[in-house]
Amino acid sequence: MDVSSLRHYLATDISNEKSLRNNPQQERSRQSLGAILRVCGEIIDESGHAGVTTAEVAKRAEMAIGTVYRFFPDRIALMLGVYQYMQDQYVALCIENLLEVEPETWQETLRVMIDTSVGARRSIPGYKATQYRILGDDESQEQYLRGSREYVAALAGLLEQFDFPRDERWLVHLSVAVELSRALQRLAFDASPEGDPWLLAEARSVPVAYLEGHLVPSASA
């Protein structure tokens, strides 16, 4: 299966362009950045977004607070960095699962990615909470939306190998499908710590049915 569009997405770091003061080049710096982002995920799971402060992150990561500020100029930049980190963890898992399953249709591919998202909500500290959009200003909002557009474009590139449309209209349809699944997953995990089974089934089926419903008239036109 061709997962090059997802690999390209991972290589294009949307968050770093504005939120990172310094893009780590050395392995030690990359490890420090990874520790900061992992600790943020743990704190979010324990006490929500309000619990994430540079002081608490530095304390939990066992590093000087100046190290945190070296990467992130403020708390909003830190939260955007955490969101991108979680999204990258998810996409990397998608690549692994897609190569293992080798789905033969775009429907199966989409379901594998949805199942991967459900698994990430259960296993990656902080991932579930970062699927709620909490941003501080217009610039942060635009950065978040840009990252979302890049992800949808990568997903469209992935599905294109199954003759799935990729014009602007279908990018909008695909964005809607992604948001439908995310919303249903949020409802499922709000209802139960492990995810309400019926709502998770809806999260898998509703986006596919939505896209299929738009494909039918297009095919018969």
C-alpha atoms as a PDB file:
ATOM      1  CA  MET A   1       0.000   0.000   0.000  1.00  0.00           C
ATOM      2  CA  ASP A   2       1.235   3.483  -0.873  1.00  0.00           C
ATOM      3  CA  VAL A   3       1.431   5.586   2.313  1.00  0.00           C
ATOM      4  CA  SER A   4       3.725   8.256   0.863  1.00  0.00           C
ATOM      5  CA  SER A   5       1.200  11.064   1.409  1.00  0.00           C
ATOM      6  CA  LEU A   6       1.131  10.286   5.144  1.00  0.00           C
ATOM      7  CA  ARG A   7       4.931  10.128   5.276  1.00  0.00           C
ATOM      8  CA  HIS A   8       5.060  13.509   3.540  1.00  0.00           C
ATOM      9  CA  TYR A   9       2.637  14.901   6.114  1.00  0.00           C
ATOM     10  CA  LEU A  10       4.937  13.757   8.933  1.00  0.00           C
ATOM     11  CA  ALA A  11       7.909  15.366   7.200  1.00  0.00           C
ATOM     12  CA  THR A  12       6.046  18.696   6.966  1.00  0.00           C
ATOM     13  CA  ASP A  13       6.096  20.060  10.514  1.00  0.00           C
ATOM     14  CA  ILE A  14       3.252  22.562  10.596  1.00  0.00           C
ATOM     15  CA  SER A  15       3.684  23.348  14.279  1.00  0.00           C
ATOM     16  CA  ASN A  16       7.397  24.117  14.210  1.00  0.00           C
ATOM     17  CA  GLU A  17       7.103  26.945  11.700  1.00  0.00           C
ATOM     18  CA  LYS A  18       5.558  29.359  14.223  1.00  0.00           C
ATOM     19  CA  SER A  19       5.423  27.770  17.659  1.00  0.00           C
ATOM     20  CA  LEU A  20       8.976  26.489  18.123  1.00  0.00           C
ATOM     21  CA  ARG A  21      11.648  29.022  18.960  1.00  0.00           C
ATOM     22  CA  ASN A  22      14.370  26.530  18.094  1.00  0.00           C
ATOM     23  CA  ASN A  23      14.047  23.515  15.837  1.00  0.00           C
ATOM     24  CA  PRO A  24      16.206  20.846  17.536  1.00  0.00           C
ATOM     25  CA  GLN A  25      19.034  19.547  15.377  1.00  0.00           C
ATOM     26  CA  GLN A  26      20.991  17.472  17.887  1.00  0.00           C
ATOM     27  CA  GLU A  27      19.724  14.215  19.360  1.00  0.00           C
ATOM     28  CA  ARG A  28      19.888  15.532  22.931  1.00  0.00           C
ATOM     29  CA  SER A  29      17.693  18.499  22.019  1.00  0.00           C
ATOM     30  CA  ARG A  30      15.205  16.251  20.220  1.00  0.00           C
ATOM     31  CA  GLN A  31      15.012  14.046  23.306  1.00  0.00           C
ATOM     32  CA  SER A  32      14.368  17.101  25.501  1.00  0.00           C
ATOM     33  CA  LEU A  33      11.591  18.287  23.194  1.00  0.00           C
ATOM     34  CA  GLY A  34      10.039  14.808  23.148  1.00  0.00           C
ATOM     35  CA  ALA A  35      10.138  14.660  26.955  1.00  0.00           C
ATOM     36  CA  ILE A  36       8.402  18.045  27.205  1.00  0.00           C
ATOM     37  CA  LEU A  37       5.607  16.976  24.869  1.00  0.00           C
ATOM     38  CA  ARG A  38       5.126  13.572  26.525  1.00  0.00           C
ATOM     39  CA  VAL A  39       4.917  15.185  29.969  1.00  0.00           C
ATOM     40  CA  CYS A  40       2.339  17.638  28.639  1.00  0.00           C
ATOM     41  CA  GLY A  41       0.225  14.697  27.515  1.00  0.00           C
ATOM     42  CA  GLU A  42       0.445  13.108  30.958  1.00  0.00           C
ATOM     43  CA  ILE A  43      -0.535  16.369  32.682  1.00  0.00           C
ATOM     44  CA  ILE A  44      -3.500  16.881  30.326  1.00  0.00           C
ATOM     45  CA  ASP A  45      -4.745  13.376  31.138  1.00  0.00           C
ATOM     46  CA  GLU A  46      -4.453  14.042  34.872  1.00  0.00           C
ATOM     47  CA  SER A  47      -5.743  17.595  35.229  1.00  0.00           C
ATOM     48  CA  GLY A  48      -6.828  18.888  31.834  1.00  0.00           C
ATOM     49  CA  HIS A  49      -5.401  21.716  29.743  1.00  0.00           C
ATOM     50  CA  ALA A  50      -5.498  24.117  32.693  1.00  0.00           C
ATOM     51  CA  GLY A  51      -2.854  22.023  34.456  1.00  0.00           C
ATOM     52  CA  VAL A  52      -0.278  22.618  31.715  1.00  0.00           C
ATOM     53  CA  THR A  53       2.099  25.378  32.808  1.00  0.00           C
ATOM     54  CA  THR A  54       5.727  25.812  31.843  1.00  0.00           C
ATOM     55  CA  ALA A  55       6.717  25.505  35.496  1.00  0.00           C
ATOM     56  CA  GLU A  56       4.851  22.215  35.976  1.00  0.00           C
ATOM     57  CA  VAL A  57       6.136  20.823  32.684  1.00  0.00           C
ATOM     58  CA  ALA A  58       9.731  21.657  33.629  1.00  0.00           C
ATOM     59  CA  LYS A  59       9.285  20.100  37.057  1.00  0.00           C
ATOM     60  CA  ARG A  60       7.780  16.874  35.726  1.00  0.00           C
ATOM     61  CA  ALA A  61      10.313  16.593  32.895  1.00  0.00           C
ATOM     62  CA  GLU A  62      13.152  17.204  35.410  1.00  0.00           C
ATOM     63  CA  MET A  63      14.677  20.065  33.448  1.00  0.00           C
ATOM     64  CA  ALA A  64      15.249  23.788  33.888  1.00  0.00           C
ATOM     65  CA  ILE A  65      12.288  25.995  33.012  1.00  0.00           C
ATOM     66  CA  GLY A  66      14.573  27.822  30.592  1.00  0.00           C
ATOM     67  CA  THR A  67      14.775  24.622  28.536  1.00  0.00           C
ATOM     68  CA  VAL A  68      11.011  24.702  28.009  1.00  0.00           C
ATOM     69  CA  TYR A  69      11.164  28.385  27.014  1.00  0.00           C
ATOM     70  CA  ARG A  70      13.996  27.598  24.633  1.00  0.00           C
ATOM     71  CA  PHE A  71      11.519  25.632  22.523  1.00  0.00           C
ATOM     72  CA  PHE A  72       8.201  27.349  23.222  1.00  0.00           C
ATOM     73  CA  PRO A  73       7.796  31.123  23.720  1.00  0.00           C
ATOM     74  CA  ASP A  74       4.478  30.820  25.558  1.00  0.00           C
ATOM     75  CA  ARG A  75       1.760  28.432  26.736  1.00  0.00           C
ATOM     76  CA  ILE A  76      -0.287  28.691  23.516  1.00  0.00           C
ATOM     77  CA  ALA A  77       2.736  27.701  21.447  1.00  0.00           C
ATOM     78  CA  LEU A  78       3.286  24.791  23.828  1.00  0.00           C
ATOM     79  CA  MET A  79      -0.311  23.591  23.407  1.00  0.00           C
ATOM     80  CA  LEU A  80      -0.040  23.805  19.621  1.00  0.00           C
ATOM     81  CA  GLY A  81       3.173  21.812  19.838  1.00  0.00           C
ATOM     82  CA  VAL A  82       1.413  19.161  21.925  1.00  0.00           C
ATOM     83  CA  TYR A  83      -1.460  18.956  19.422  1.00  0.00           C
ATOM     84  CA  GLN A  84       0.959  18.451  16.523  1.00  0.00           C
ATOM     85  CA  TYR A  85       2.954  15.897  18.509  1.00  0.00           C
ATOM     86  CA  MET A  86      -0.200  13.885  19.237  1.00  0.00           C
ATOM     87  CA  GLN A  87      -1.305  14.110  15.622  1.00  0.00           C
ATOM     88  CA  ASP A  88       2.102  12.898  14.448  1.00  0.00           C
ATOM     89  CA  GLN A  89       1.945   9.949  16.866  1.00  0.00           C
ATOM     90  CA  TYR A  90      -1.454   9.047  15.417  1.00  0.00           C
ATOM     91  CA  VAL A  91      -0.355   9.320  11.778  1.00  0.00           C
ATOM     92  CA  ALA A  92       2.743   7.206  12.472  1.00  0.00           C
ATOM     93  CA  LEU A  93       0.485   4.512  13.966  1.00  0.00           C
ATOM     94  CA  CYS A  94      -1.779   4.749  10.915  1.00  0.00           C
ATOM     95  CA  ILE A  95       1.170   4.041   8.632  1.00  0.00           C
ATOM     96  CA  GLU A  96       2.093   0.950  10.664  1.00  0.00           C
ATOM     97  CA  ASN A  97      -1.479  -0.366  10.738  1.00  0.00           C
ATOM     98  CA  LEU A  98      -2.186   0.324   7.065  1.00  0.00           C
ATOM     99  CA  LEU A  99       0.973  -1.489   5.976  1.00  0.00           C
ATOM    100  CA  GLU A 100       0.035  -4.410   8.207  1.00  0.00           C
ATOM    101  CA  VAL A 101      -3.619  -4.666   7.120  1.00  0.00           C
ATOM    102  CA  GLU A 102      -3.162  -3.679   3.449  1.00  0.00           C
ATOM    103  CA  PRO A 103      -6.783  -2.531   2.899  1.00  0.00           C
ATOM    104  CA  GLU A 104      -8.151  -2.965  -0.622  1.00  0.00           C
ATOM    105  CA  THR A 105     -10.750  -0.161  -0.706  1.00  0.00           C
ATOM    106  CA  TRP A 106     -10.959   3.436   0.459  1.00  0.00           C
ATOM    107  CA  GLN A 107     -13.730   2.398   2.861  1.00  0.00           C
ATOM    108  CA  GLU A 108     -11.484  -0.165   4.547  1.00  0.00           C
ATOM    109  CA  THR A 109      -8.636   2.354   4.622  1.00  0.00           C
ATOM    110  CA  LEU A 110     -10.777   4.956   6.344  1.00  0.00           C
ATOM    111  CA  ARG A 111     -11.979   2.413   8.906  1.00  0.00           C
ATOM    112  CA  VAL A 112      -8.395   1.375   9.703  1.00  0.00           C
ATOM    113  CA  MET A 113      -7.532   5.021  10.368  1.00  0.00           C
ATOM    114  CA  ILE A 114     -10.622   5.486  12.538  1.00  0.00           C
ATOM    115  CA  ASP A 115      -9.789   2.343  14.513  1.00  0.00           C
ATOM    116  CA  THR A 116      -6.249   3.678  14.939  1.00  0.00           C
ATOM    117  CA  SER A 117      -7.643   6.920  16.332  1.00  0.00           C
ATOM    118  CA  VAL A 118      -9.794   4.981  18.800  1.00  0.00           C
ATOM    119  CA  GLY A 119      -6.729   3.001  19.878  1.00  0.00           C
ATOM    120  CA  ALA A 120      -4.712   6.207  20.290  1.00  0.00           C
ATOM    121  CA  ARG A 121      -7.409   7.649  22.553  1.00  0.00           C
ATOM    122  CA  ARG A 122      -7.028   4.601  24.786  1.00  0.00           C
ATOM    123  CA  SER A 123      -3.251   4.303  24.812  1.00  0.00           C
ATOM    124  CA  ILE A 124      -1.488   7.652  24.204  1.00  0.00           C
ATOM    125  CA  PRO A 125      -1.498   9.983  27.240  1.00  0.00           C
ATOM    126  CA  GLY A 126      -3.068  13.311  26.308  1.00  0.00           C
ATOM    127  CA  TYR A 127      -4.214  12.299  22.830  1.00  0.00           C
ATOM    128  CA  LYS A 128      -7.890  12.125  23.715  1.00  0.00           C
ATOM    129  CA  ALA A 129      -7.914  15.584  25.297  1.00  0.00           C
ATOM    130  CA  THR A 130      -6.092  17.224  22.391  1.00  0.00           C
ATOM    131  CA  GLN A 131      -8.964  16.265  20.088  1.00  0.00           C
ATOM    132  CA  TYR A 132     -10.921  19.119  21.698  1.00  0.00           C
ATOM    133  CA  ARG A 133     -10.040  22.422  20.072  1.00  0.00           C
ATOM    134  CA  ILE A 134      -8.806  24.851  22.759  1.00  0.00           C
ATOM    135  CA  LEU A 135      -6.888  27.792  21.309  1.00  0.00           C
ATOM    136  CA  GLY A 136      -6.186  31.311  22.428  1.00  0.00           C
ATOM    137  CA  ASP A 137      -6.146  33.705  19.482  1.00  0.00           C
ATOM    138  CA  ASP A 138      -6.751  34.109  15.755  1.00  0.00           C
ATOM    139  CA  GLU A 139      -3.160  33.265  14.821  1.00  0.00           C
ATOM    140  CA  SER A 140      -3.274  30.029  16.801  1.00  0.00           C
ATOM    141  CA  GLN A 141      -6.634  29.188  15.271  1.00  0.00           C
ATOM    142  CA  GLU A 142      -5.272  29.689  11.767  1.00  0.00           C
ATOM    143  CA  GLN A 143      -2.267  27.496  12.542  1.00  0.00           C
ATOM    144  CA  TYR A 144      -4.552  24.765  13.846  1.00  0.00           C
ATOM    145  CA  LEU A 145      -6.771  25.001  10.756  1.00  0.00           C
ATOM    146  CA  ARG A 146      -3.757  24.889   8.474  1.00  0.00           C
ATOM    147  CA  GLY A 147      -2.610  21.691  10.134  1.00  0.00           C
ATOM    148  CA  SER A 148      -6.090  20.226   9.685  1.00  0.00           C
ATOM    149  CA  ARG A 149      -6.060  21.111   5.987  1.00  0.00           C
ATOM    150  CA  GLU A 150      -2.661  19.492   5.541  1.00  0.00           C
ATOM    151  CA  TYR A 151      -3.912  16.325   7.219  1.00  0.00           C
ATOM    152  CA  VAL A 152      -7.043  16.147   5.034  1.00  0.00           C
ATOM    153  CA  ALA A 153      -4.909  16.665   1.921  1.00  0.00           C
ATOM    154  CA  ALA A 154      -2.650  13.795   3.033  1.00  0.00           C
ATOM    155  CA  LEU A 155      -5.690  11.611   3.637  1.00  0.00           C
ATOM    156  CA  ALA A 156      -7.055  12.474   0.189  1.00  0.00           C
ATOM    157  CA  GLY A 157      -3.699  11.514  -1.312  1.00  0.00           C
ATOM    158  CA  LEU A 158      -3.877   8.188   0.495  1.00  0.00           C
ATOM    159  CA  LEU A 159      -7.405   7.426  -0.738  1.00  0.00           C
ATOM    160  CA  GLU A 160      -6.594   8.543  -4.293  1.00  0.00           C
ATOM    161  CA  GLN A 161      -4.973   5.160  -4.995  1.00  0.00           C
ATOM    162  CA  PHE A 162      -8.489   3.701  -4.785  1.00  0.00           C
ATOM    163  CA  ASP A 163      -9.810   6.227  -7.360  1.00  0.00           C
ATOM    164  CA  PHE A 164     -11.267   8.433  -4.638  1.00  0.00           C
ATOM    165  CA  PRO A 165     -11.846  11.989  -5.964  1.00  0.00           C
ATOM    166  CA  ARG A 166      -9.359  14.695  -4.938  1.00  0.00           C
ATOM    167  CA  ASP A 167     -10.748  17.996  -6.226  1.00  0.00           C
ATOM    168  CA  GLU A 168     -11.544  20.905  -3.901  1.00  0.00           C
ATOM    169  CA  ARG A 169     -15.167  19.829  -3.439  1.00  0.00           C
ATOM    170  CA  TRP A 170     -14.060  16.398  -2.248  1.00  0.00           C
ATOM    171  CA  LEU A 171     -11.508  17.854   0.123  1.00  0.00           C
ATOM    172  CA  VAL A 172     -14.437  19.615   1.802  1.00  0.00           C
ATOM    173  CA  HIS A 173     -16.461  16.372   1.894  1.00  0.00           C
ATOM    174  CA  LEU A 174     -13.464  14.555   3.371  1.00  0.00           C
ATOM    175  CA  SER A 175     -13.028  17.288   6.002  1.00  0.00           C
ATOM    176  CA  VAL A 176     -16.662  16.825   7.006  1.00  0.00           C
ATOM    177  CA  ALA A 177     -16.181  13.043   7.262  1.00  0.00           C
ATOM    178  CA  VAL A 178     -13.111  13.479   9.463  1.00  0.00           C
ATOM    179  CA  GLU A 179     -14.974  15.863  11.776  1.00  0.00           C
ATOM    180  CA  LEU A 180     -17.987  13.523  11.908  1.00  0.00           C
ATOM    181  CA  SER A 181     -15.800  10.684  13.124  1.00  0.00           C
ATOM    182  CA  ARG A 182     -13.943  12.878  15.633  1.00  0.00           C
ATOM    183  CA  ALA A 183     -17.215  14.213  17.055  1.00  0.00           C
ATOM    184  CA  LEU A 184     -18.671  10.723  17.460  1.00  0.00           C
ATOM    185  CA  GLN A 185     -15.459   9.475  19.058  1.00  0.00           C
ATOM    186  CA  ARG A 186     -15.548  12.387  21.510  1.00  0.00           C
ATOM    187  CA  LEU A 187     -19.143  11.516  22.413  1.00  0.00           C
ATOM    188  CA  ALA A 188     -18.175   7.855  22.819  1.00  0.00           C
ATOM    189  CA  PHE A 189     -15.330   8.619  25.224  1.00  0.00           C
ATOM    190  CA  ASP A 190     -17.376  11.196  27.079  1.00  0.00           C
ATOM    191  CA  ALA A 191     -19.934   8.445  27.703  1.00  0.00           C
ATOM    192  CA  SER A 192     -17.413   5.797  28.797  1.00  0.00           C
ATOM    193  CA  PRO A 193     -13.684   5.738  29.642  1.00  0.00           C
ATOM    194  CA  GLU A 194     -13.093   2.993  27.060  1.00  0.00           C
ATOM    195  CA  GLY A 195     -15.542   4.447  24.539  1.00  0.00           C
ATOM    196  CA  ASP A 196     -19.229   3.617  24.200  1.00  0.00           C
ATOM    197  CA  PRO A 197     -19.399   0.654  21.737  1.00  0.00           C
ATOM    198  CA  TRP A 198     -22.484   1.875  19.862  1.00  0.00           C
ATOM    199  CA  LEU A 199     -21.105   5.375  19.381  1.00  0.00           C
ATOM    200  CA  LEU A 200     -17.735   3.979  18.266  1.00  0.00           C
ATOM    201  CA  ALA A 201     -19.557   1.837  15.694  1.00  0.00           C
ATOM    202  CA  GLU A 202     -21.252   5.025  14.493  1.00  0.00           C
ATOM    203  CA  ALA A 203     -17.855   6.747  14.336  1.00  0.00           C
ATOM    204  CA  ARG A 204     -16.715   4.014  11.920  1.00  0.00           C
ATOM    205  CA  SER A 205     -19.836   3.822   9.756  1.00  0.00           C
ATOM    206  CA  VAL A 206     -21.277   7.356   9.556  1.00  0.00           C
ATOM    207  CA  PRO A 207     -18.283   9.024   7.787  1.00  0.00           C
ATOM    208  CA  VAL A 208     -18.114   6.213   5.222  1.00  0.00           C
ATOM    209  CA  ALA A 209     -21.862   6.365   4.581  1.00  0.00           C
ATOM    210  CA  TYR A 210     -21.654  10.153   4.220  1.00  0.00           C
ATOM    211  CA  LEU A 211     -18.926   9.913   1.579  1.00  0.00           C
ATOM    212  CA  GLU A 212     -20.639   7.051  -0.247  1.00  0.00           C
ATOM    213  CA  GLY A 213     -23.849   9.098  -0.346  1.00  0.00           C
ATOM    214  CA  HIS A 214     -22.044  11.856  -2.227  1.00  0.00           C
ATOM    215  CA  LEU A 215     -20.274   9.432  -4.555  1.00  0.00           C
ATOM    216  CA  VAL A 216     -23.508   7.845  -5.840  1.00  0.00           C
ATOM    217  CA  PRO A 217     -24.951  10.929  -7.583  1.00  0.00           C
ATOM    218  CA  SER A 218     -21.492  11.808  -8.846  1.00  0.00           C
ATOM    219  CA  ALA A 219     -21.143   8.363 -10.455  1.00  0.00           C
ATOM    220  CA  SER A 220     -24.573   8.517 -12.090  1.00  0.00           C
ATOM    221  CA  ALA A 221     -24.200  12.036 -13.462  1.00  0.00           C
END
